[in-house]
Amino acid sequence: MLGIESIIIFLIVGAIAGWLAGIIVKGFGFGLLGNIVVGIVGAFIAGWLFPQLGWGVGGGFLWAIVHATIGAVILLVLLRIIRTGT
């Protein structure tokens, strides 16, 4: 079971990653709560995708943000493709 500190860090990483992804993929911001969700889902996407490709990332807070941001960018690009059809 996760402690309250782990949950708070998870939410902070998700918020930062979602915010960064919203900046990278311009025009796709979802507000604070939406960005947290995008960042968390992005972390899961990257957590699944990177090992499939044989890529590894370092540990720690900064790498968690980088990892989640890459996944969130992938998610936002996919959402943009689905929404606009292009």
Protein backbone atom coordinates (compact mmCIF):
# COMPACT_ATOMS: atom_id res chain seq x y z
CA MET A 1 0.00 0.00 0.00
CA LEU A 2 1.25 3.46 -0.88
CA GLY A 3 1.91 5.98 1.84
CA ILE A 4 0.54 9.51 1.66
CA GLU A 5 4.01 10.82 0.74
CA SER A 6 4.22 8.49 -2.25
CA ILE A 7 0.78 9.54 -3.45
CA ILE A 8 1.68 13.23 -3.16
CA ILE A 9 4.92 12.72 -5.10
CA PHE A 10 3.02 10.71 -7.72
CA LEU A 11 0.53 13.58 -8.12
CA ILE A 12 3.31 16.20 -8.29
CA VAL A 13 5.17 14.22 -10.97
CA GLY A 14 1.92 13.78 -12.89
CA ALA A 15 1.09 17.48 -12.68
CA ILE A 16 4.55 18.58 -13.83
CA ALA A 17 4.65 16.01 -16.64
CA GLY A 18 1.15 16.92 -17.83
CA TRP A 19 1.98 20.63 -17.74
CA LEU A 20 5.21 20.10 -19.70
CA ALA A 21 3.43 17.89 -22.23
CA GLY A 22 0.75 20.57 -22.67
CA ILE A 23 3.49 23.09 -23.48
CA ILE A 24 5.27 20.72 -25.87
CA VAL A 25 2.04 19.74 -27.66
CA LYS A 26 0.69 23.25 -28.01
CA GLY A 27 -3.02 23.82 -27.64
CA PHE A 28 -3.71 20.73 -25.56
CA GLY A 29 -3.93 21.85 -21.94
CA PHE A 30 -6.57 20.29 -19.71
CA GLY A 31 -6.20 22.38 -16.55
CA LEU A 32 -4.48 21.23 -13.38
CA LEU A 33 -6.56 18.12 -12.73
CA GLY A 34 -6.54 17.11 -16.38
CA ASN A 35 -2.79 17.64 -16.60
CA ILE A 36 -2.27 15.42 -13.56
CA VAL A 37 -4.32 12.68 -15.20
CA VAL A 38 -2.47 13.09 -18.51
CA GLY A 39 0.88 12.95 -16.69
CA ILE A 40 -0.06 9.83 -14.73
CA VAL A 41 -1.44 8.04 -17.78
CA GLY A 42 1.67 9.17 -19.67
CA ALA A 43 3.86 7.59 -17.01
CA PHE A 44 2.03 4.30 -17.46
CA ILE A 45 2.36 4.53 -21.26
CA ALA A 46 6.10 5.20 -21.04
CA GLY A 47 6.45 2.53 -18.34
CA TRP A 48 5.02 -0.02 -20.75
CA LEU A 49 6.56 1.31 -23.98
CA PHE A 50 10.19 1.83 -22.92
CA PRO A 51 10.85 -1.78 -21.85
CA GLN A 52 9.18 -2.99 -25.06
CA LEU A 53 11.72 -0.95 -27.03
CA GLY A 54 14.60 -2.04 -24.81
CA TRP A 55 15.12 1.45 -23.41
CA GLY A 56 15.88 2.09 -19.80
CA VAL A 57 15.80 5.34 -17.89
CA GLY A 58 17.47 6.30 -14.68
CA GLY A 59 15.78 6.51 -11.32
CA GLY A 60 14.87 9.45 -9.17
CA PHE A 61 12.48 12.35 -9.23
CA LEU A 62 13.87 14.09 -12.33
CA TRP A 63 13.85 10.90 -14.41
CA ALA A 64 10.30 10.18 -13.25
CA ILE A 65 9.25 13.57 -14.64
CA VAL A 66 11.11 12.99 -17.94
CA HIS A 67 9.65 9.50 -18.22
CA ALA A 68 6.08 10.68 -17.52
CA THR A 69 6.43 13.70 -19.82
CA ILE A 70 7.45 11.55 -22.78
CA GLY A 71 4.48 9.28 -22.19
CA ALA A 72 2.15 12.26 -21.76
CA VAL A 73 3.36 13.79 -25.04
CA ILE A 74 2.64 10.48 -26.77
CA LEU A 75 -0.84 10.47 -25.21
CA LEU A 76 -1.57 14.07 -26.24
CA VAL A 77 -0.42 13.45 -29.81
CA LEU A 78 -2.68 10.40 -30.00
CA LEU A 79 -5.60 12.42 -28.58
CA ARG A 80 -4.98 15.16 -31.13
CA ILE A 81 -4.97 12.63 -33.97
CA ILE A 82 -8.20 11.07 -32.73
CA ARG A 83 -9.93 14.43 -32.20
CA THR A 84 -8.92 16.07 -35.47
CA GLY A 85 -8.63 12.98 -37.63
CA THR A 86 -5.27 14.13 -39.02
